[in-house]
Amino acid sequence: MRTLNVVLALGALLPLSSAMFSIRALNDPVQQYLTRMCYPLFSNATRQASLQLTALTSVSSLANSPFPCEQSLYLRQVCTANGTTANDFLAEQQCLCNGSYFTAHAGCDDCYLAHGYQDYTAEESTRNISSLSVAECAPTPPFQPFSNLVSSVNITSQSLSPSLTLGDDRFPNMTAVSNYFTETASATPGSITGSATARLTSWTNYSGIRYTPTSIPPNSGTGSATVASGITPTLVGTSKSTGAAATRGVGIVGGILAAGVGVVAML
């Protein structure tokens, strides 16, 4: 199963813009179409220009987006751990698991499936997202960043892979959320509480180094890191955990791997 998510780490901070929303989108018309359908605000160059959005504000501008793929992208930005201490990983866990991230992730996968994406089925999406959710939310305490739970791919190989082929597109050129997703509330980060409030609040991993745990605690969870195919690109380098109150449950984890399962690190 191929992973479409692309984590654009700006060398440490490579900004995600509509033009770079996906490495594949540069030469894959189908990927371009899916991006327009599932990330209609983020991929809209006219909107970006009219709001004078910068690389750092493009994702933050999606805070109130009703589109699950964009909600997932926004939550990945605000929840990503800025450091590598136990408090940083706990804050990330609280933000992702006690908020609406995994629900948005599932909704994003649903968008891709509704528009004919066929590299994975709805059942595979649900199974893989559930596994990812357990892997991130079960450990007590968490001992690694969420980014460690998703697969990595080589950017060059990804960009040269065969073009996608659409299956049954049930809603051609229609972006209405109601066609595939019932929850339209804005993205909700989980509340950061307790010792997690001592987390690092500024980004430090400008080299994009993948963290390696020195040990694995007993209560490390049972989820696997299998990734579904998602399409939510993840912005690395500008996240800051938030203390916003959580108002929605976790729900199933889907999101075609970007939105649903996963982040693809640039190698």
Protein backbone atom coordinates (compact mmCIF):
# COMPACT_ATOMS: atom_id res chain seq x y z
CA MET A 1 0.00 0.00 0.00
CA ARG A 2 1.51 3.30 -1.01
CA THR A 3 1.70 6.28 1.28
CA LEU A 4 0.88 9.61 -0.25
CA ASN A 5 1.49 11.87 2.70
CA VAL A 6 4.46 14.03 2.37
CA VAL A 7 6.13 15.59 5.32
CA LEU A 8 7.88 18.58 3.98
CA ALA A 9 10.58 19.35 6.45
CA LEU A 10 12.00 22.62 5.46
CA GLY A 11 15.42 21.53 5.80
CA ALA A 12 14.02 22.02 8.79
CA LEU A 13 11.36 24.30 7.87
CA LEU A 14 10.20 23.90 4.36
CA PRO A 15 6.93 25.79 4.11
CA LEU A 16 3.96 24.03 2.63
CA SER A 17 2.38 26.14 -0.06
CA SER A 18 -0.37 25.33 -2.50
CA ALA A 19 2.30 24.85 -5.15
CA MET A 20 4.12 22.26 -3.04
CA PHE A 21 1.14 20.63 -1.41
CA SER A 22 2.32 17.28 -2.62
CA ILE A 23 5.49 16.20 -4.38
CA ARG A 24 3.36 13.91 -6.50
CA ALA A 25 0.98 16.65 -7.47
CA LEU A 26 3.73 18.24 -9.52
CA ASN A 27 3.41 15.59 -12.21
CA ASP A 28 0.28 13.61 -11.37
CA PRO A 29 -3.05 15.07 -12.58
CA VAL A 30 -5.04 12.66 -10.41
CA GLN A 31 -3.17 13.71 -7.28
CA GLN A 32 -3.72 17.34 -8.23
CA TYR A 33 -7.43 16.66 -8.54
CA LEU A 34 -7.64 14.84 -5.20
CA THR A 35 -5.78 17.69 -3.54
CA ARG A 36 -8.26 20.21 -4.93
CA MET A 37 -11.21 18.12 -3.75
CA CYS A 38 -9.95 17.36 -0.25
CA TYR A 39 -7.86 20.48 0.49
CA PRO A 40 -9.96 23.11 -1.29
CA LEU A 41 -8.90 26.04 0.90
CA PHE A 42 -5.26 25.14 1.35
CA SER A 43 -4.75 24.46 -2.36
CA ASN A 44 -6.54 27.61 -3.51
CA ALA A 45 -3.89 30.01 -4.79
CA THR A 46 -6.40 32.86 -5.09
CA ARG A 47 -7.31 32.51 -1.41
CA GLN A 48 -3.66 32.40 -0.43
CA ALA A 49 -3.00 35.62 -2.30
CA SER A 50 -6.11 37.49 -1.15
CA LEU A 51 -5.41 36.68 2.51
CA GLN A 52 -1.71 37.41 2.02
CA LEU A 53 -0.83 34.11 3.64
CA THR A 54 2.80 33.27 4.26
CA ALA A 55 4.48 29.90 4.58
CA LEU A 56 3.95 30.05 8.33
CA THR A 57 0.32 31.16 8.24
CA SER A 58 -1.02 28.97 5.44
CA VAL A 59 -1.68 26.05 7.77
CA SER A 60 -2.72 28.11 10.80
CA SER A 61 -5.35 29.76 8.60
CA LEU A 62 -7.12 26.39 8.46
CA ALA A 63 -8.08 26.43 12.16
CA ASN A 64 -11.78 26.81 11.34
CA SER A 65 -11.86 24.79 8.13
CA PRO A 66 -14.77 22.32 7.87
CA PHE A 67 -12.73 20.01 5.62
CA PRO A 68 -11.29 17.02 7.54
CA CYS A 69 -8.08 16.84 5.50
CA GLU A 70 -7.35 20.46 6.34
CA GLN A 71 -8.33 19.91 9.97
CA SER A 72 -5.90 17.01 10.14
CA LEU A 73 -3.14 19.12 8.60
CA TYR A 74 -3.78 21.95 11.05
CA LEU A 75 -3.79 19.64 14.08
CA ARG A 76 -0.56 17.98 13.01
CA GLN A 77 1.01 21.42 12.98
CA VAL A 78 -0.22 22.60 16.37
CA CYS A 79 0.27 19.26 18.14
CA THR A 80 3.72 18.20 16.91
CA ALA A 81 6.23 17.85 19.74
CA ASN A 82 8.84 20.60 19.70
CA GLY A 83 11.35 18.73 21.83
CA THR A 84 12.34 15.17 22.78
CA THR A 85 11.64 15.01 26.50
CA ALA A 86 8.87 13.02 28.19
CA ASN A 87 6.90 16.23 28.67
CA ASP A 88 7.12 17.03 24.95
CA PHE A 89 5.83 13.60 23.94
CA LEU A 90 3.08 13.73 26.59
CA ALA A 91 1.91 17.13 25.33
CA GLU A 92 1.80 15.80 21.78
CA GLN A 93 -0.13 12.73 22.92
CA GLN A 94 -2.68 14.82 24.84
CA CYS A 95 -3.12 17.20 21.92
CA LEU A 96 -3.67 14.43 19.36
CA CYS A 97 -5.51 11.82 21.42
CA ASN A 98 -7.81 14.07 23.46
CA GLY A 99 -8.82 16.17 20.49
CA SER A 100 -10.30 15.56 17.06
CA TYR A 101 -7.17 14.59 15.13
CA PHE A 102 -7.99 10.95 14.50
CA THR A 103 -11.59 11.74 13.58
CA ALA A 104 -10.34 14.28 11.06
CA HIS A 105 -7.81 11.77 9.82
CA ALA A 106 -10.58 9.27 9.14
CA GLY A 107 -12.67 11.92 7.43
CA CYS A 108 -9.79 12.78 5.16
CA ASP A 109 -9.46 9.18 4.05
CA ASP A 110 -13.20 9.19 3.41
CA CYS A 111 -12.75 12.18 1.11
CA TYR A 112 -10.14 10.40 -0.97
CA LEU A 113 -12.23 7.26 -1.17
CA ALA A 114 -15.35 9.21 -2.15
CA HIS A 115 -13.43 10.73 -5.05
CA GLY A 116 -12.18 7.43 -6.41
CA TYR A 117 -8.87 6.83 -4.62
CA GLN A 118 -8.31 3.07 -4.77
CA ASP A 119 -4.93 2.26 -3.27
CA TYR A 120 -6.70 1.12 -0.12
CA THR A 121 -10.21 0.24 1.02
CA ALA A 122 -12.38 1.78 3.72
CA GLU A 123 -11.76 -1.28 5.87
CA GLU A 124 -8.00 -0.96 5.49
CA SER A 125 -8.18 2.72 6.35
CA THR A 126 -10.17 2.07 9.53
CA ARG A 127 -7.89 -0.77 10.59
CA ASN A 128 -4.68 1.13 10.00
CA ILE A 129 -5.88 4.31 11.65
CA SER A 130 -7.10 2.36 14.67
CA SER A 131 -3.69 0.76 14.94
CA LEU A 132 -1.97 4.13 14.69
CA SER A 133 -4.29 5.57 17.32
CA VAL A 134 -3.44 2.80 19.76
CA ALA A 135 0.27 3.17 19.09
CA GLU A 136 0.14 6.89 19.87
CA CYS A 137 -2.44 6.99 22.65
CA ALA A 138 -1.81 3.80 24.67
CA PRO A 139 1.79 4.29 25.92
CA THR A 140 2.01 5.53 29.51
CA PRO A 141 4.12 7.53 29.37
CA PRO A 142 4.73 8.11 25.64
CA PHE A 143 8.39 7.58 24.79
CA GLN A 144 8.70 8.77 21.20
CA PRO A 145 7.17 11.40 18.90
CA PHE A 146 4.15 10.68 16.74
CA SER A 147 6.30 11.06 13.63
CA ASN A 148 8.14 7.87 14.62
CA LEU A 149 4.95 5.87 14.17
CA VAL A 150 4.58 6.47 10.47
CA SER A 151 6.56 5.18 7.55
CA SER A 152 9.25 7.09 5.72
CA VAL A 153 9.68 7.19 1.98
CA ASN A 154 12.30 8.58 -0.31
CA ILE A 155 11.07 11.81 -1.89
CA THR A 156 12.73 11.04 -5.21
CA SER A 157 11.16 7.59 -5.43
CA GLN A 158 7.80 9.01 -4.44
CA SER A 159 7.85 11.66 -7.14
CA LEU A 160 8.83 9.10 -9.79
CA SER A 161 6.26 6.47 -8.82
CA PRO A 162 3.47 5.62 -11.31
CA SER A 163 0.59 8.05 -11.61
CA LEU A 164 -2.60 7.29 -9.74
CA THR A 165 -5.70 5.97 -11.45
CA LEU A 166 -9.11 6.96 -10.13
CA GLY A 167 -11.83 4.42 -9.53
CA ASP A 168 -15.48 5.39 -8.99
CA ASP A 169 -15.59 9.12 -8.23
CA ARG A 170 -19.00 9.50 -6.58
CA PHE A 171 -18.84 13.30 -6.42
CA PRO A 172 -16.94 14.63 -9.46
CA ASN A 173 -15.61 18.14 -8.89
CA MET A 174 -17.70 18.52 -5.73
CA THR A 175 -15.97 19.52 -2.49
CA ALA A 176 -18.98 19.58 -0.12
CA VAL A 177 -18.02 17.96 3.19
CA SER A 178 -21.54 16.57 3.59
CA ASN A 179 -20.87 14.19 0.69
CA TYR A 180 -18.56 12.05 2.81
CA PHE A 181 -18.18 13.41 6.36
CA THR A 182 -20.81 14.13 9.02
CA GLU A 183 -18.76 16.20 11.48
CA THR A 184 -18.14 19.72 10.28
CA ALA A 185 -16.96 21.39 13.48
CA SER A 186 -13.56 23.03 13.34
CA ALA A 187 -10.39 21.20 14.35
CA THR A 188 -10.07 20.71 18.11
CA PRO A 189 -6.67 20.18 19.74
CA GLY A 190 -6.67 18.22 22.99
CA SER A 191 -5.96 20.15 26.18
CA ILE A 192 -2.38 20.14 27.47
CA THR A 193 -2.40 19.50 31.23
CA GLY A 194 -0.22 18.43 34.15
CA SER A 195 3.50 17.97 33.63
CA ALA A 196 2.99 18.30 29.86
CA THR A 197 2.56 22.05 30.31
CA ALA A 198 6.34 22.18 30.81
CA ARG A 199 6.85 21.13 27.19
CA LEU A 200 9.20 22.96 24.88
CA THR A 201 7.21 25.64 23.05
CA SER A 202 9.62 26.45 20.24
CA TRP A 203 10.85 24.22 17.42
CA THR A 204 14.39 22.87 17.71
CA ASN A 205 14.75 19.99 15.24
CA TYR A 206 15.77 22.12 12.28
CA SER A 207 17.81 19.28 10.80
CA GLY A 208 14.81 16.96 10.64
CA ILE A 209 16.58 14.26 12.67
CA ARG A 210 14.41 11.22 13.44
CA TYR A 211 14.34 10.62 17.20
CA THR A 212 15.54 7.24 18.48
CA PRO A 213 14.17 6.15 21.90
CA THR A 214 16.83 4.98 24.34
CA SER A 215 14.40 2.54 25.95
CA ILE A 216 10.83 1.30 25.64
CA PRO A 217 8.75 1.37 28.85
CA PRO A 218 6.49 -1.58 29.84
CA ASN A 219 3.22 0.21 29.02
CA SER A 220 4.20 1.02 25.46
CA GLY A 221 0.92 0.03 23.82
CA THR A 222 0.18 -2.61 21.20
CA GLY A 223 -0.57 -0.60 18.08
CA SER A 224 1.49 -1.03 14.98
CA ALA A 225 2.86 1.66 12.75
CA THR A 226 1.22 0.36 9.61
CA VAL A 227 0.22 3.26 7.49
CA ALA A 228 -2.86 3.63 5.45
CA SER A 229 -2.58 5.66 2.37
CA GLY A 230 -3.49 9.19 3.37
CA ILE A 231 -2.92 12.43 1.74
CA THR A 232 -2.49 14.97 4.38
CA PRO A 233 0.86 16.62 4.05
CA THR A 234 2.42 17.47 7.35
CA LEU A 235 4.22 20.68 8.03
CA VAL A 236 7.27 20.14 10.15
CA GLY A 237 9.09 22.95 11.82
CA THR A 238 6.51 25.42 12.98
CA SER A 239 4.29 23.54 15.37
CA LYS A 240 3.48 24.63 18.82
CA SER A 241 1.44 22.53 21.20
CA THR A 242 -1.73 24.13 22.40
CA GLY A 243 -3.70 24.18 25.61
CA ALA A 244 -7.13 24.43 24.01
CA ALA A 245 -9.86 22.38 25.60
CA ALA A 246 -10.94 19.19 23.88
CA THR A 247 -14.60 18.97 22.93
CA ARG A 248 -14.72 15.94 20.66
CA GLY A 249 -13.70 12.35 21.04
CA VAL A 250 -11.00 10.47 19.22
CA GLY A 251 -13.16 8.41 16.90
CA ILE A 252 -11.67 6.02 14.38
CA VAL A 253 -8.36 6.76 12.85
CA GLY A 254 -8.40 6.99 9.12
CA GLY A 255 -7.40 9.72 6.90
CA ILE A 256 -5.68 8.09 4.15
CA LEU A 257 -2.74 8.33 5.91
CA ALA A 258 -2.06 11.75 5.81
CA ALA A 259 -5.12 12.62 7.03
CA GLY A 260 -5.38 9.33 8.19
CA VAL A 261 -2.37 7.54 8.78
CA GLY A 262 0.77 9.06 8.49
CA VAL A 263 3.58 11.24 7.71
CA VAL A 264 6.18 10.68 5.12
CA ALA A 265 9.58 11.91 6.07
CA MET A 266 11.92 13.29 3.46
CA LEU A 267 15.06 11.21 3.11
